Amino acid sequence: MIGRLKGELLFKQPPHLLVDVSGVGYELEAPMSTIYDLPEAGHEVVLLTHLTIRDDAHILFAFLTEAERSLFRTLIKVNGVGPKMGLGILSAMNPAEFRACILQGNNTALTKIPGVGKKTSERLIIEMRDRLEKTEAGVESYAVGTTPSGRADPLTEATQALVALGYKPQEASRMTGRIDSDGLSSDEIIRQSLRAVL
């Protein structure tokens, strides 16, 4: 099991990352809550990981904080929630926001996340409420930050990232089109687009 990677960030195109660890390039997928806080390519990163093994692929997921990884691991144990939906949830809201939605029974916010329908949101609220109440003491550490990426053509990059996170292309274009993107990084366009729908 690979639990942690430390190396040079070579590539960042949400939700995909490439990290060089002693000459070996690890391909990872990360939620936007992690990508917002990553430095530019060429800098060293330390990432917590979760490995998912399927018949057709081994997929390594990356997280900056234990709160994100722990929530991801808890989410994928819920019936009907897979890794892709787990990434979508962590991309739409940080762990503290997700916890608030669950404890308040906020179906509306949850159903705005791609792939989360009414039945899934109800299942999340029922199954996650007890688990989150048990971890209440550690909630203060849940946070998400901002780091501009400065990449070329940030609007297109943001739209592509939203499609990769599960939104339909037309919906992703509509979401990013509502944002005044002048001077914003792709990460910030994604963040504002996701906030606007929640």
Protein backbone atom coordinates (compact mmCIF):
# COMPACT_ATOMS: atom_id res chain seq x y z
CA MET A 1 0.00 0.00 0.00
CA ILE A 2 1.29 3.48 -0.87
CA GLY A 3 0.31 5.90 1.92
CA ARG A 4 2.47 8.97 1.26
CA LEU A 5 4.53 10.48 -1.55
CA LYS A 6 7.18 13.19 -1.38
CA GLY A 7 8.60 14.52 -4.61
CA GLU A 8 8.55 17.14 -7.34
CA LEU A 9 5.21 18.15 -8.81
CA LEU A 10 5.71 17.82 -12.57
CA PHE A 11 2.17 18.35 -13.85
CA LYS A 12 -1.12 19.68 -12.52
CA GLN A 13 -4.28 19.52 -14.65
CA PRO A 14 -7.32 18.97 -12.43
CA PRO A 15 -8.02 16.34 -11.35
CA HIS A 16 -4.72 14.79 -12.56
CA LEU A 17 -1.27 15.19 -11.03
CA LEU A 18 2.15 13.79 -11.90
CA VAL A 19 4.74 13.64 -9.11
CA ASP A 20 8.37 12.58 -9.58
CA VAL A 21 9.60 10.55 -6.61
CA SER A 22 13.29 9.64 -7.05
CA GLY A 23 12.90 9.28 -10.81
CA VAL A 24 9.56 7.44 -10.74
CA GLY A 25 6.57 9.40 -12.01
CA TYR A 26 3.37 8.73 -10.06
CA GLU A 27 0.08 9.59 -11.75
CA LEU A 28 -2.52 10.66 -9.19
CA GLU A 29 -6.03 12.01 -9.06
CA ALA A 30 -6.86 14.70 -6.51
CA PRO A 31 -9.94 16.66 -5.46
CA MET A 32 -10.01 20.41 -5.99
CA SER A 33 -9.73 20.91 -2.23
CA THR A 34 -6.17 19.56 -2.57
CA ILE A 35 -5.35 21.13 -5.93
CA TYR A 36 -6.22 24.64 -4.67
CA ASP A 37 -3.36 24.43 -2.17
CA LEU A 38 -0.70 22.85 -4.37
CA PRO A 39 2.30 24.91 -5.51
CA GLU A 40 3.28 25.40 -9.14
CA ALA A 41 4.93 22.59 -11.11
CA GLY A 42 8.59 22.26 -10.22
CA HIS A 43 8.07 22.54 -6.45
CA GLU A 44 8.28 19.77 -3.89
CA VAL A 45 5.04 18.36 -2.52
CA VAL A 46 4.11 15.90 0.20
CA LEU A 47 0.85 14.07 -0.47
CA LEU A 48 -1.15 11.51 1.48
CA THR A 49 -2.48 8.81 -0.83
CA HIS A 50 -5.15 6.16 -1.16
CA LEU A 51 -4.76 3.30 -3.65
CA THR A 52 -7.85 1.83 -5.30
CA ILE A 53 -7.43 -1.43 -7.21
CA ARG A 54 -9.91 -2.38 -9.91
CA ASP A 55 -9.87 -5.11 -12.54
CA ASP A 56 -8.79 -2.63 -15.22
CA ALA A 57 -6.67 -0.13 -13.26
CA HIS A 58 -4.78 0.80 -10.12
CA ILE A 59 -5.67 4.40 -9.25
CA LEU A 60 -3.75 6.47 -6.73
CA PHE A 61 -5.65 9.35 -5.12
CA ALA A 62 -3.81 12.26 -3.48
CA PHE A 63 -4.72 14.53 -0.57
CA LEU A 64 -2.93 17.31 1.28
CA THR A 65 -4.57 16.71 4.64
CA GLU A 66 -5.54 13.68 6.68
CA ALA A 67 -9.04 15.20 7.03
CA GLU A 68 -9.54 14.98 3.25
CA ARG A 69 -8.17 11.46 2.96
CA SER A 70 -10.14 10.24 5.95
CA LEU A 71 -13.38 11.70 4.58
CA PHE A 72 -12.67 10.19 1.15
CA ARG A 73 -12.09 6.76 2.71
CA THR A 74 -15.29 7.05 4.71
CA LEU A 75 -17.29 8.21 1.67
CA ILE A 76 -16.29 5.30 -0.56
CA LYS A 77 -17.59 2.88 2.10
CA VAL A 78 -21.11 4.27 1.59
CA ASN A 79 -23.20 2.09 -0.72
CA GLY A 80 -23.39 3.70 -4.18
CA VAL A 81 -20.50 6.13 -3.61
CA GLY A 82 -17.35 5.35 -5.57
CA PRO A 83 -14.00 7.10 -5.80
CA LYS A 84 -15.14 9.40 -8.63
CA MET A 85 -18.11 10.62 -6.59
CA GLY A 86 -15.84 10.95 -3.53
CA LEU A 87 -13.55 13.26 -5.54
CA GLY A 88 -16.58 15.20 -6.75
CA ILE A 89 -17.81 15.74 -3.20
CA LEU A 90 -14.39 16.90 -1.97
CA SER A 91 -14.09 19.15 -5.02
CA ALA A 92 -17.43 20.79 -4.32
CA MET A 93 -16.91 21.35 -0.59
CA ASN A 94 -14.22 20.95 2.02
CA PRO A 95 -14.65 18.45 4.88
CA ALA A 96 -16.09 21.05 7.26
CA GLU A 97 -18.70 22.15 4.71
CA PHE A 98 -19.60 18.54 3.95
CA ARG A 99 -19.96 17.80 7.64
CA ALA A 100 -22.28 20.80 8.06
CA CYS A 101 -24.45 19.59 5.13
CA ILE A 102 -24.71 16.12 6.65
CA LEU A 103 -25.50 17.25 10.19
CA GLN A 104 -28.08 19.79 8.93
CA GLY A 105 -29.60 17.24 6.52
CA ASN A 106 -29.04 19.62 3.59
CA ASN A 107 -30.19 17.52 0.62
CA THR A 108 -30.27 20.56 -1.66
CA ALA A 109 -26.53 21.28 -1.46
CA LEU A 110 -25.61 17.61 -1.82
CA THR A 111 -27.76 17.04 -4.92
CA LYS A 112 -25.95 19.87 -6.73
CA ILE A 113 -22.79 17.73 -6.77
CA PRO A 114 -22.42 15.75 -10.04
CA GLY A 115 -23.65 12.19 -9.68
CA VAL A 116 -25.37 12.78 -6.33
CA GLY A 117 -29.09 12.32 -6.73
CA LYS A 118 -31.80 12.51 -4.11
CA LYS A 119 -31.49 8.87 -3.03
CA THR A 120 -27.70 9.09 -2.76
CA SER A 121 -27.86 12.33 -0.77
CA GLU A 122 -30.36 10.76 1.65
CA ARG A 123 -28.11 7.70 2.00
CA LEU A 124 -25.09 9.96 2.64
CA ILE A 125 -26.95 11.87 5.35
CA ILE A 126 -28.11 8.70 7.10
CA GLU A 127 -24.85 6.76 6.87
CA MET A 128 -22.41 9.64 7.41
CA ARG A 129 -24.17 11.40 10.31
CA ASP A 130 -23.07 8.90 12.99
CA ARG A 131 -19.54 8.65 11.62
CA LEU A 132 -19.08 12.42 11.51
CA GLU A 133 -20.47 12.97 15.00
CA LYS A 134 -17.81 10.59 16.32
CA THR A 135 -15.05 12.72 14.77
CA GLU A 136 -16.41 16.06 15.97
CA ALA A 137 -13.31 16.80 18.05
CA GLY A 138 -11.05 16.96 14.98
CA VAL A 139 -13.25 19.18 12.83
CA GLU A 140 -11.41 22.42 13.56
CA SER A 141 -8.48 21.20 11.46
CA TYR A 142 -10.63 20.92 8.30
CA ALA A 143 -9.78 23.79 6.00
CA VAL A 144 -9.27 24.63 2.38
CA GLY A 145 -6.98 27.31 1.01
CA THR A 146 -6.30 29.16 -2.20
CA THR A 147 -3.25 29.13 -4.38
CA PRO A 148 -3.45 30.70 -7.84
CA SER A 149 -2.02 28.49 -10.57
CA GLY A 150 -1.17 31.10 -13.21
CA ARG A 151 -1.50 28.55 -16.07
CA ALA A 152 -2.20 29.51 -19.66
CA ASP A 153 -5.83 29.66 -20.85
CA PRO A 154 -7.33 29.24 -17.38
CA LEU A 155 -10.98 29.37 -18.54
CA THR A 156 -10.59 26.38 -20.87
CA GLU A 157 -8.55 24.51 -18.27
CA ALA A 158 -11.23 25.15 -15.63
CA THR A 159 -14.01 23.97 -17.95
CA GLN A 160 -12.10 20.78 -18.79
CA ALA A 161 -11.48 20.14 -15.10
CA LEU A 162 -15.21 20.44 -14.32
CA VAL A 163 -15.96 17.93 -17.09
CA ALA A 164 -13.34 15.58 -15.61
CA LEU A 165 -15.09 15.95 -12.25
CA GLY A 166 -18.38 14.72 -13.72
CA TYR A 167 -20.20 17.77 -15.06
CA LYS A 168 -21.56 17.63 -18.60
CA PRO A 169 -19.57 19.80 -21.07
CA GLN A 170 -22.43 22.26 -21.65
CA GLU A 171 -23.05 22.55 -17.92
CA ALA A 172 -19.34 23.09 -17.22
CA SER A 173 -19.16 25.82 -19.89
CA ARG A 174 -22.23 27.49 -18.45
CA MET A 175 -20.76 27.37 -14.94
CA THR A 176 -17.42 28.91 -15.92
CA GLY A 177 -19.13 31.40 -18.25
CA ARG A 178 -20.95 32.96 -15.28
CA ILE A 179 -17.66 33.83 -13.57
CA ASP A 180 -15.78 37.07 -14.25
CA SER A 181 -12.59 35.18 -15.05
CA ASP A 182 -10.32 38.11 -16.00
CA GLY A 183 -7.04 37.67 -14.16
CA LEU A 184 -8.19 34.53 -12.31
CA SER A 185 -6.30 31.24 -12.27
CA SER A 186 -8.06 28.07 -13.42
CA ASP A 187 -8.16 26.89 -9.80
CA GLU A 188 -9.99 30.04 -8.73
CA ILE A 189 -12.43 29.83 -11.67
CA ILE A 190 -13.22 26.24 -10.66
CA ARG A 191 -13.65 27.26 -7.03
CA GLN A 192 -16.03 30.13 -7.88
CA SER A 193 -17.97 27.98 -10.37
CA LEU A 194 -18.50 25.26 -7.77
CA ARG A 195 -19.45 27.78 -5.08
CA ALA A 196 -22.02 29.36 -7.42
CA VAL A 197 -23.94 26.09 -7.81
CA LEU A 198 -24.00 25.23 -4.10
